[in-house]
Protein backbone atom coordinates (compact mmCIF):
# COMPACT_ATOMS: atom_id res chain seq x y z
CA MET A 1 57.00 -94.15 -16.32
CA SER A 2 58.94 -90.89 -16.04
CA CYS A 3 59.30 -91.56 -12.36
CA LEU A 4 61.42 -95.01 -12.96
CA PHE A 5 64.75 -95.11 -12.00
CA PHE A 6 67.61 -96.67 -13.73
CA SER A 7 68.41 -98.99 -10.87
CA LYS A 8 64.74 -100.33 -11.60
CA ALA A 9 65.20 -100.83 -15.00
CA ILE A 10 68.33 -102.81 -15.34
CA TYR A 11 66.16 -105.43 -14.11
CA ILE A 12 63.75 -104.89 -17.11
CA PHE A 13 66.10 -104.62 -19.89
CA GLU A 14 69.11 -106.83 -18.69
CA ASN A 15 68.11 -109.58 -21.36
CA ASP A 16 67.32 -107.64 -23.77
CA GLU A 17 69.98 -107.36 -26.47
CA ARG A 18 69.65 -103.79 -27.43
CA TYR A 19 70.37 -103.26 -23.53
CA LYS A 20 73.36 -105.62 -23.91
CA ALA A 21 74.64 -103.63 -27.28
CA VAL A 22 75.67 -100.91 -25.32
CA GLU A 23 78.69 -101.95 -23.52
CA ARG A 24 79.66 -99.28 -20.81
CA PRO A 25 77.02 -99.12 -18.02
CA LYS A 26 77.51 -95.14 -17.86
CA ASP A 27 76.49 -95.03 -21.63
CA ARG A 28 73.32 -96.94 -20.85
CA GLU A 29 72.61 -94.56 -17.78
CA ASP A 30 72.89 -91.68 -19.49
CA LEU A 31 70.78 -93.09 -22.55
CA PHE A 32 68.27 -94.05 -19.87
CA GLN A 33 68.18 -90.83 -18.45
CA ASP A 34 67.71 -88.85 -21.91
CA TYR A 35 65.00 -91.50 -22.59
CA ILE A 36 63.26 -90.37 -19.12
CA GLN A 37 63.33 -86.73 -19.80
CA GLU A 38 62.05 -86.75 -23.17
CA LEU A 39 59.34 -89.04 -21.66
CA ASP A 40 58.85 -86.44 -18.87
CA LYS A 41 58.20 -83.76 -21.35
CA LYS A 42 56.23 -85.22 -23.58
CA GLU A 43 53.86 -86.25 -20.21
CA ARG A 44 53.94 -82.66 -19.12
CA ALA A 45 53.05 -81.49 -22.62
CA LYS A 46 50.31 -83.74 -23.20
CA ALA A 47 49.01 -82.86 -19.26
CA LEU A 48 49.35 -79.23 -20.02
CA GLU A 49 47.08 -79.99 -23.17
CA ALA A 50 45.01 -81.59 -21.30
CA ASN A 51 44.07 -78.80 -18.36
CA LYS A 52 44.19 -76.12 -21.17
CA GLN A 53 41.06 -77.84 -22.78
CA ASN A 54 39.63 -78.31 -19.57
CA ARG A 55 40.13 -75.01 -18.56
CA ILE A 56 38.52 -74.05 -21.80
CA ASP A 57 35.48 -76.25 -21.32
CA TYR A 58 35.25 -75.10 -17.87
CA LEU A 59 35.35 -70.94 -19.07
CA GLU A 60 32.63 -71.92 -21.62
CA PHE A 61 30.89 -73.59 -18.81
CA LEU A 62 31.12 -70.21 -16.94
CA LYS A 63 29.92 -68.30 -19.94
CA SER A 64 26.98 -70.39 -20.39
CA CYS A 65 25.59 -69.69 -16.65
CA ASP A 66 23.60 -66.54 -17.24
CA PHE A 67 23.66 -66.06 -13.28
CA ILE A 68 26.90 -65.03 -13.49
CA LYS A 69 26.82 -61.01 -13.69
CA ALA A 70 30.05 -58.98 -13.07
CA SER A 71 28.95 -58.61 -9.30
CA SER A 72 28.78 -62.22 -8.58
CA GLN A 73 30.99 -63.85 -5.65
CA TRP A 74 32.63 -67.09 -6.19
CA ARG A 75 31.39 -68.04 -2.60
CA LYS A 76 27.62 -67.48 -3.23
CA VAL A 77 27.91 -69.26 -6.87
CA GLN A 78 30.07 -72.44 -6.72
CA ASP A 79 27.83 -74.47 -4.95
CA ARG A 80 25.53 -74.60 -8.49
CA LEU A 81 28.75 -75.02 -10.55
CA GLU A 82 30.15 -77.87 -8.88
CA ALA A 83 27.15 -79.87 -9.97
CA ASP A 84 28.31 -80.07 -13.67
CA GLU A 85 31.13 -82.27 -14.85
CA ARG A 86 33.49 -80.28 -16.35
CA CYS A 87 34.13 -79.34 -12.84
CA LEU A 88 35.73 -82.76 -12.02
CA CYS A 89 38.32 -82.07 -14.45
CA LEU A 90 40.15 -79.20 -12.34
CA GLU A 91 41.26 -78.59 -9.10
CA LYS A 92 39.43 -76.00 -7.17
CA ILE A 93 42.10 -73.69 -7.01
CA ASP A 94 42.22 -73.85 -11.21
CA ARG A 95 38.44 -73.17 -10.77
CA LEU A 96 38.45 -70.30 -8.76
CA GLU A 97 41.26 -68.88 -10.82
CA ILE A 98 38.98 -69.28 -14.08
CA PHE A 99 35.97 -68.06 -12.22
CA GLN A 100 38.04 -64.82 -11.52
CA GLU A 101 39.41 -64.29 -14.71
CA TYR A 102 35.85 -65.05 -16.11
CA ILE A 103 34.73 -61.96 -13.81
CA ARG A 104 37.48 -59.31 -14.71
CA ASP A 105 36.67 -59.85 -18.25
CA LEU A 106 32.71 -58.97 -17.41
CA GLU A 107 33.84 -55.92 -15.60
CA ARG A 108 35.83 -55.02 -18.78
CA GLU A 109 33.43 -55.73 -21.25
CA GLU A 110 30.95 -53.70 -18.99
CA GLU A 111 33.00 -51.15 -18.49
CA GLU A 112 33.75 -50.54 -22.28
CA GLN A 113 30.13 -51.09 -22.72
CA ARG A 114 29.67 -48.24 -19.85
CA LYS A 115 32.12 -46.23 -22.11
CA LEU A 116 30.57 -46.44 -25.07
CA ARG A 117 27.20 -45.70 -23.70
CA MET A 118 28.61 -42.41 -21.88
CA GLU A 119 30.26 -41.28 -25.11
CA GLU A 120 26.67 -41.76 -26.68
CA LEU A 121 25.05 -40.10 -24.07
CA ARG A 122 27.94 -36.95 -23.88
CA LYS A 123 27.61 -36.80 -27.61
CA THR A 124 23.40 -36.22 -27.34
CA GLU A 125 23.63 -34.18 -24.27
CA ARG A 126 26.19 -31.90 -25.84
CA LYS A 127 23.93 -31.52 -28.83
CA ASN A 128 21.07 -30.46 -26.51
CA ARG A 129 23.19 -27.92 -24.99
CA ASP A 130 23.70 -26.50 -28.17
CA GLU A 131 20.22 -26.13 -28.84
CA PHE A 132 19.29 -24.50 -25.95
CA ARG A 133 22.01 -22.10 -26.44
CA LYS A 134 20.68 -21.38 -29.92
CA LEU A 135 17.15 -20.77 -28.15
CA MET A 136 19.25 -18.19 -26.19
CA GLU A 137 20.70 -16.33 -28.63
CA GLU A 138 17.61 -15.93 -30.71
CA HIS A 139 15.82 -14.71 -27.13
CA VAL A 140 18.88 -12.11 -27.33
CA SER A 141 18.60 -10.85 -30.80
CA LYS A 142 14.70 -10.60 -29.98
CA GLY A 143 15.54 -8.85 -27.05
CA ALA A 144 13.61 -11.16 -24.87
CA LEU A 145 16.48 -12.10 -22.91
CA THR A 146 18.80 -9.36 -21.59
CA ALA A 147 21.45 -8.95 -18.71
CA ARG A 148 18.50 -7.99 -16.50
CA THR A 149 16.87 -11.12 -17.14
CA HIS A 150 15.76 -13.50 -13.88
CA TRP A 151 16.49 -16.90 -14.34
CA ARG A 152 12.80 -17.67 -12.46
CA ASP A 153 11.15 -15.41 -15.02
CA TYR A 154 13.16 -16.82 -18.27
CA CYS A 155 12.25 -20.25 -17.26
CA VAL A 156 8.81 -19.41 -16.85
CA LYS A 157 9.04 -18.36 -20.49
CA VAL A 158 10.94 -21.49 -22.23
CA LYS A 159 9.75 -24.48 -19.76
CA ASP A 160 7.64 -25.77 -22.72
CA SER A 161 10.18 -25.22 -24.88
CA LEU A 162 11.83 -28.77 -26.64
CA ALA A 163 15.30 -27.32 -25.91
CA TYR A 164 14.71 -26.66 -22.67
CA LEU A 165 12.88 -30.05 -21.70
CA ALA A 166 16.07 -31.85 -23.41
CA VAL A 167 18.84 -30.12 -21.61
CA SER A 168 16.97 -30.39 -18.58
CA SER A 169 16.94 -34.21 -18.93
CA ASN A 170 20.52 -33.60 -19.13
CA THR A 171 22.70 -35.94 -16.29
CA LEU A 172 26.23 -34.54 -16.89
CA GLY A 173 27.82 -31.32 -18.02
CA SER A 174 26.27 -27.58 -17.42
CA THR A 175 22.71 -27.43 -16.65
CA ALA A 176 19.95 -24.76 -18.47
CA LYS A 177 20.66 -22.34 -15.27
CA ASP A 178 24.36 -23.06 -16.20
CA LEU A 179 23.88 -21.65 -19.36
CA PHE A 180 21.61 -19.13 -18.84
CA GLU A 181 24.15 -17.44 -16.15
CA ASP A 182 26.75 -18.04 -18.84
CA VAL A 183 24.84 -15.77 -21.33
CA VAL A 184 23.73 -13.48 -19.02
CA GLU A 185 27.41 -12.91 -17.64
CA GLU A 186 28.55 -11.91 -21.34
CA LEU A 187 25.66 -9.48 -21.40
CA GLU A 188 26.27 -7.87 -18.41
CA LYS A 189 30.27 -7.45 -19.44
CA GLN A 190 28.96 -6.10 -23.04
CA PHE A 191 26.43 -3.43 -21.19
CA VAL A 192 29.24 -2.22 -18.73
CA ASP A 193 30.90 -1.69 -22.19
CA ASP A 194 27.90 -0.02 -23.99
CA LYS A 195 27.20 2.25 -20.84
CA ALA A 196 30.68 3.45 -20.57
CA ARG A 197 30.24 4.30 -24.56
CA ILE A 198 27.05 6.03 -24.32
CA LYS A 199 28.14 8.23 -21.01
CA HIS A 200 31.12 9.32 -22.77
CA ALA A 201 28.81 10.17 -25.69
CA ILE A 202 26.29 12.28 -23.40
CA LYS A 203 29.42 14.09 -21.85
CA VAL A 204 30.83 15.32 -25.35
CA HIS A 205 27.95 16.12 -26.19
CA GLU A 206 27.12 18.06 -23.20
CA ILE A 207 23.81 16.77 -22.80
CA ALA A 208 21.77 17.55 -20.01
CA LEU A 209 18.98 14.58 -19.50
CA THR A 210 15.75 15.78 -17.63
CA THR A 211 12.81 13.81 -17.05
CA SER A 212 11.32 15.29 -20.63
CA TRP A 213 13.60 13.34 -22.44
CA THR A 214 12.17 10.23 -24.37
CA PHE A 215 14.22 7.49 -25.76
CA GLU A 216 14.12 8.59 -29.35
CA ASN A 217 15.62 11.95 -28.20
CA LEU A 218 18.76 10.30 -27.03
CA LYS A 219 19.16 8.07 -29.51
CA ALA A 220 18.84 11.02 -31.86
CA ALA A 221 21.08 13.08 -30.22
CA ILE A 222 23.81 10.35 -29.81
CA SER A 223 23.30 8.29 -32.96
CA GLU A 224 26.93 9.06 -34.46
CA ASP A 225 29.00 7.79 -31.65
CA ILE A 226 26.80 4.94 -31.20
CA SER A 227 26.71 3.38 -34.65
CA SER A 228 30.03 1.77 -34.97
CA PRO A 229 30.21 -0.64 -33.54
CA PRO A 230 26.47 -0.61 -32.95
CA ILE A 231 25.19 -0.31 -29.67
CA SER A 232 21.56 -2.68 -29.17
CA ASP A 233 18.77 -0.90 -28.50
CA THR A 234 18.00 -2.82 -25.62
CA ASN A 235 21.31 -1.46 -23.67
CA LEU A 236 20.83 2.08 -24.59
CA LYS A 237 17.22 1.72 -23.37
CA PHE A 238 18.89 0.32 -20.34
CA VAL A 239 20.95 3.23 -19.84
CA PHE A 240 18.40 5.51 -20.83
CA GLU A 241 16.25 4.42 -18.06
CA GLU A 242 19.00 4.77 -15.30
CA LEU A 243 20.11 8.14 -16.26
CA LEU A 244 16.24 9.12 -16.63
CA GLU A 245 15.88 7.54 -12.98
CA ARG A 246 18.60 9.50 -11.53
CA ALA A 247 17.42 12.85 -13.10
CA ARG A 248 14.16 12.33 -11.46
CA GLU A 249 15.80 11.73 -8.26
CA LYS A 250 17.49 14.74 -8.76
CA GLU A 251 14.56 16.49 -9.61
CA GLU A 252 12.68 15.04 -6.38
CA LYS A 253 15.37 15.57 -4.31
CA GLU A 254 14.92 19.53 -5.32
CA ALA A 255 11.70 19.84 -5.27
CA LYS A 256 11.74 18.31 -1.61
CA ARG A 257 14.37 21.44 -0.56
CA LEU A 258 12.32 23.67 -2.47
CA LYS A 259 9.50 22.21 -0.05
CA ARG A 260 11.24 22.79 2.66
CA LEU A 261 12.31 26.19 1.84
CA ALA A 262 8.80 27.27 1.07
CA ASP A 263 7.74 25.91 4.44
CA ASP A 264 10.24 27.15 6.66
CA PHE A 265 9.48 30.72 4.53
CA TYR A 266 5.98 30.58 4.77
CA GLU A 267 6.17 30.02 8.42
CA LEU A 268 8.54 32.89 8.93
CA LEU A 269 5.54 35.30 7.26
CA SER A 270 3.38 33.53 9.32
CA VAL A 271 4.80 34.24 13.15
CA SER A 272 5.79 37.78 11.74
CA LYS A 273 3.69 40.50 12.89
CA GLU A 274 5.13 42.88 10.43
CA ILE A 275 4.04 41.01 7.42
CA THR A 276 0.04 42.07 6.22
CA ALA A 277 -2.56 42.20 3.43
CA SER A 278 -0.78 45.43 2.26
CA SER A 279 2.79 44.70 2.55
CA ARG A 280 5.06 44.87 -0.42
CA TRP A 281 7.94 42.58 -1.33
CA GLU A 282 10.83 45.07 -0.41
CA ASP A 283 9.17 44.71 3.16
CA CYS A 284 9.85 41.03 3.31
CA LYS A 285 13.78 41.33 1.95
CA PRO A 286 15.14 41.58 5.30
CA PHE A 287 14.43 38.23 6.05
CA LEU A 288 16.38 36.96 3.14
CA GLU A 289 19.90 37.86 4.48
CA ASP A 290 20.93 34.33 4.07
CA ARG A 291 19.49 33.10 0.94
CA LYS A 292 20.84 32.71 -2.34
CA MET A 293 19.88 35.25 -5.13
CA SER A 294 18.49 32.48 -7.31
CA GLU A 295 16.18 31.61 -4.93
CA GLU A 296 14.70 35.13 -4.59
CA GLY A 297 12.10 34.49 -7.78
CA PHE A 298 11.07 31.39 -6.17
CA LEU A 299 10.65 33.15 -2.62
CA ARG A 300 8.79 36.18 -4.31
CA ASP A 301 6.14 33.74 -5.83
CA ILE A 302 5.49 32.44 -2.01
CA PHE A 303 5.24 36.01 -0.59
CA ASP A 304 2.78 37.16 -3.43
CA LYS A 305 0.68 33.85 -2.70
CA PHE A 306 0.86 34.29 1.16
CA VAL A 307 -0.24 38.18 1.00
CA ALA A 308 -3.07 37.19 -1.65
CA GLY A 309 -3.95 34.53 0.93
CA LEU A 310 -4.55 37.41 3.32
CA LYS A 311 -6.23 39.07 1.30
CA GLU A 312 -8.70 36.48 0.50
CA LYS A 313 -9.19 36.04 4.21
CA ALA A 314 -9.89 39.68 5.10
CA LYS A 315 -12.28 39.40 1.88
CA GLU A 316 -13.70 36.63 3.87
CA LYS A 317 -14.08 37.64 6.96
CA GLU A 318 -15.99 40.90 5.65
CA ARG A 319 -17.83 38.46 3.87
CA LYS A 320 -18.80 36.54 6.60
CA ARG A 321 -19.37 39.80 9.07
CA ARG A 322 -21.85 41.11 6.25
CA GLU A 323 -23.38 37.52 6.22
CA GLU A 324 -23.68 37.48 10.25
CA LYS A 325 -25.16 41.44 10.01
CA ALA A 326 -27.79 40.31 7.41
CA ARG A 327 -28.78 37.50 9.60
CA LYS A 328 -29.26 39.10 12.69
CA GLU A 329 -31.13 41.62 10.86
CA LYS A 330 -33.41 38.88 9.13
CA GLY A 331 -33.91 37.45 12.99
CA ASN A 332 -35.00 40.92 14.34
CA GLU A 333 -37.53 41.40 11.30
CA ARG A 334 -38.72 37.46 12.23
CA LYS A 335 -39.00 38.58 15.71
CA GLY A 336 -40.66 41.67 14.86
CA ARG A 337 -43.28 40.00 12.38
CA GLU A 338 -43.80 37.53 15.13
CA LYS A 339 -44.78 39.75 17.64
CA GLU A 340 -46.93 41.88 15.36
CA LYS A 341 -48.67 38.44 14.72
CA HIS A 342 -48.87 37.90 18.73
CA ARG A 343 -50.06 41.18 18.93
CA ARG A 344 -53.02 40.91 15.98
CA ASP A 345 -53.87 37.54 17.73
CA LYS A 346 -54.30 39.37 21.12
CA ASP A 347 -56.17 42.10 19.56
CA ARG A 348 -58.78 39.56 17.76
CA GLU A 349 -58.73 37.78 20.92
CA ASP A 350 -59.65 40.88 22.82
CA GLU A 351 -62.21 42.01 20.49
CA SER A 352 -64.05 38.52 20.31
CA ARG A 353 -64.43 38.98 24.35
CA CYS A 354 -65.47 42.05 23.65
CA ARG A 355 -68.25 41.08 21.53
CA LYS A 356 -69.10 38.62 23.99
CA LYS A 357 -69.36 41.22 26.62
CA ARG A 358 -71.56 43.25 24.31
CA GLY A 359 -73.95 40.34 23.72
CA ARG A 360 -74.37 39.71 27.11
CA LYS A 361 -75.37 43.47 27.82
CA GLU A 362 -77.80 43.55 25.05
CA THR A 363 -80.10 40.92 27.02
CA THR A 364 -80.49 43.75 30.28
CA ASP A 365 -80.98 46.96 28.36
CA SER A 366 -82.42 49.12 30.90
CA ASP A 367 -79.36 48.45 33.21
CA ASP A 368 -76.98 48.80 30.44
CA LYS A 369 -78.34 52.24 30.02
CA THR A 370 -78.16 53.36 33.42
CA GLU A 371 -75.02 51.61 33.88
CA SER A 372 -73.70 53.82 30.53
CA TYR A 373 -74.92 57.08 31.76
CA SER A 374 -73.28 56.39 35.14
CA TYR A 375 -69.86 55.91 33.98
CA GLU A 376 -70.41 59.22 31.84
CA ASN A 377 -70.72 60.90 34.58
CA ASN A 378 -68.00 59.07 36.45
CA ARG A 379 -65.53 60.15 33.71
CA ARG A 380 -66.37 63.35 33.66
CA TYR A 381 -65.77 64.32 37.03
CA GLU A 382 -62.85 62.62 36.95
CA SER A 383 -61.91 64.47 34.13
CA GLU A 384 -62.77 68.02 35.62
CA ARG A 385 -60.90 66.59 39.34
CA GLY A 386 -57.59 65.99 37.32
CA ARG A 387 -57.88 69.53 35.32
CA LYS A 388 -58.35 71.07 38.73
CA HIS A 389 -55.42 69.31 40.32
CA ARG A 390 -52.92 70.09 37.55
CA GLU A 391 -53.71 73.41 37.85
CA ARG A 392 -52.96 73.48 41.74
CA GLN A 393 -49.79 71.66 40.95
CA HIS A 394 -48.63 74.15 37.71
CA SER A 395 -49.16 77.18 40.33
CA ARG A 396 -47.02 75.52 43.05
CA SER A 397 -44.16 75.35 40.27
CA ILE A 398 -43.93 78.85 38.92
CA ASP A 399 -42.38 79.92 42.84
CA GLU A 400 -39.13 77.46 41.93
CA GLY A 401 -35.73 78.80 41.22
CA GLU A 402 -35.17 79.51 37.39
CA SER A 403 -32.00 77.29 37.57
CA GLU A 404 -34.40 74.17 38.50
CA LYS A 405 -37.02 74.90 36.32
CA GLY A 406 -36.58 72.58 33.50
CA GLY A 407 -35.75 69.81 35.44
CA GLN A 408 -38.37 70.58 38.18
CA SER A 409 -41.35 71.36 35.36
CA ARG A 410 -40.52 67.76 34.05
CA GLY A 411 -40.75 65.95 37.63
CA THR A 412 -44.04 67.77 38.10
CA HIS A 413 -45.33 66.81 34.66
CA GLN A 414 -44.67 62.99 35.63
CA ASN A 415 -45.88 63.66 39.05
CA ASN A 416 -49.11 65.00 37.82
CA ASN A 417 -49.11 62.08 35.63
CA ARG A 418 -48.55 59.45 38.18
CA ASP A 419 -51.15 61.58 40.62
CA HIS A 420 -53.65 62.00 37.79
CA LYS A 421 -53.55 57.84 37.50
CA LYS A 422 -53.57 57.53 41.22
CA SER A 423 -56.67 59.61 41.71
CA LYS A 424 -58.29 58.05 39.06
CA GLN A 425 -57.84 54.08 40.48
CA GLU A 426 -58.69 55.47 43.76
CA SER A 427 -62.20 57.03 42.63
CA VAL A 428 -62.76 53.47 40.63
CA GLU A 429 -61.69 51.60 43.82
CA HIS A 430 -64.30 53.75 45.93
CA HIS A 431 -67.20 54.01 43.68
CA GLY A 432 -66.87 50.15 43.06
CA TRP A 433 -67.14 51.13 39.43
CA ALA A 434 -65.65 48.42 36.84
CA SER A 435 -63.84 48.34 33.84
CA GLU A 436 -64.62 46.25 30.98
CA THR A 437 -62.80 43.77 31.80
CA LYS A 438 -64.31 43.48 35.17
CA PRO A 439 -66.54 40.42 35.51
CA ASP A 440 -70.27 40.85 34.76
CA GLY A 441 -71.66 39.51 38.30
CA HIS A 442 -69.27 42.40 40.40
CA HIS A 443 -70.96 45.02 37.81
CA LYS A 444 -75.03 43.62 38.37
CA LYS A 445 -74.44 43.26 41.80
CA TYR A 446 -73.50 46.80 41.96
CA MET A 447 -76.29 48.15 39.83
CA ARG A 448 -78.56 46.32 41.88
CA ASP A 449 -77.14 48.53 45.21
CA TYR A 450 -77.28 51.45 42.85
CA ARG A 451 -80.82 51.17 42.27
CA ARG A 452 -81.78 50.07 45.93
CA SER A 453 -80.31 53.08 47.05
CA GLY A 454 -82.25 55.38 44.41
CA GLY A 455 -78.92 57.05 43.64
CA SER A 456 -77.70 58.41 47.19
CA HIS A 457 -74.67 56.32 46.83
CA HIS A 458 -73.16 58.48 43.82
CA ARG A 459 -74.50 61.79 45.63
CA ASN A 460 -72.53 60.93 48.58
CA VAL A 461 -69.55 60.37 46.62
CA ASP A 462 -69.88 63.76 45.18
CA GLY A 463 -70.38 65.62 48.40
CA GLU A 464 -67.28 63.88 50.25
CA ASP A 465 -65.13 65.53 47.43
CA GLY A 466 -66.82 68.91 48.77
CA GLU A 467 -65.96 70.54 44.94
CA VAL A 468 -68.63 68.90 43.13
CA ARG A 469 -72.35 68.60 44.33
């Protein structure tokens, strides 16, 4: 109706009295246009209301679809939405617009929910961090957590505690390691300040710390200087350990220096031929021209030990010499006993052989008696012959000069002895008589020949000498 034109309306209203009542055509047209405008407004308002209601219905429809999420896309869900009659009341562009608005509402709602969850999470995690800080404060007060504590060692200690497990579950903010490092950093700053105060107190009291000092000694010595503000025993102990280690290194360095000095001085004494076991300290002073007088006592101790070592070596050498001499004497004595034993064994063997010979001789008594008689005669003959020979030699030596008398007399005596032994040997070989050591067969043969000749052989031998008949 609102789209009806006045030219067409004339044909509709020309016979109507109300149309005729308006005399002027212009007024009629104005009234018609006003009415048409008013009607258009009403229709438009009604359409808007209907469209609004349709949009509301469509939006409710979208809310009822549980498959629509904030991340859903129009092209993926439009086919499922168009099957409903509520979609037919709206244009496609309107449906798309309402869908996008609904998606934005979902996103805003999710964002609000996320913010609420994050706020709750931040509160919970902040509480967890506070609990872990309280745990570390307790450990600091007990000395379990110090400026020198490492995270890996501390983590092993607290890994089963509720506070550590809670803070480890945090997804935002500082971790347990970050909180630990913050605490340790504060402890290190405090340690540096306490260390400066302790060193100042030691310097004021002129304390010479050595390795023999204890923690209680240092604490008692500077107790007045560290009382306000108080210094923890942990930091005081750390400073004491550092100072003690420094004193130990200094003493070790000094000990090494003295050892090198002692080795050099000992080597100097060893190669010096002027230093002996009887040397005195004054004899060694020329070697100390470049040494400090403070080291003289130390070097003198080394000198005394060196001289004592020389004396000990001399005693040891003398002892070994005596032991060697005693060992040689003992060895000679043992050899003498062995030689004596060997001689006695040989004498027993000779005696045993003699007894065996005497046993064999007893079987032939008559032959043995004859042999004994002949042997005695031969011995008397040899003795007389030797005596005469010595007398001749003695008379010959009287004619020699007095200057050579002593030497010649000794030579003559030796010659006489040799001549006597030689003549005795020749006589024994000539007569064929054997000593006790000759075999029995040879002796028996001789006796048989002697009996056959009736003693003529002995007489011939006596006659050949020309002196004994």
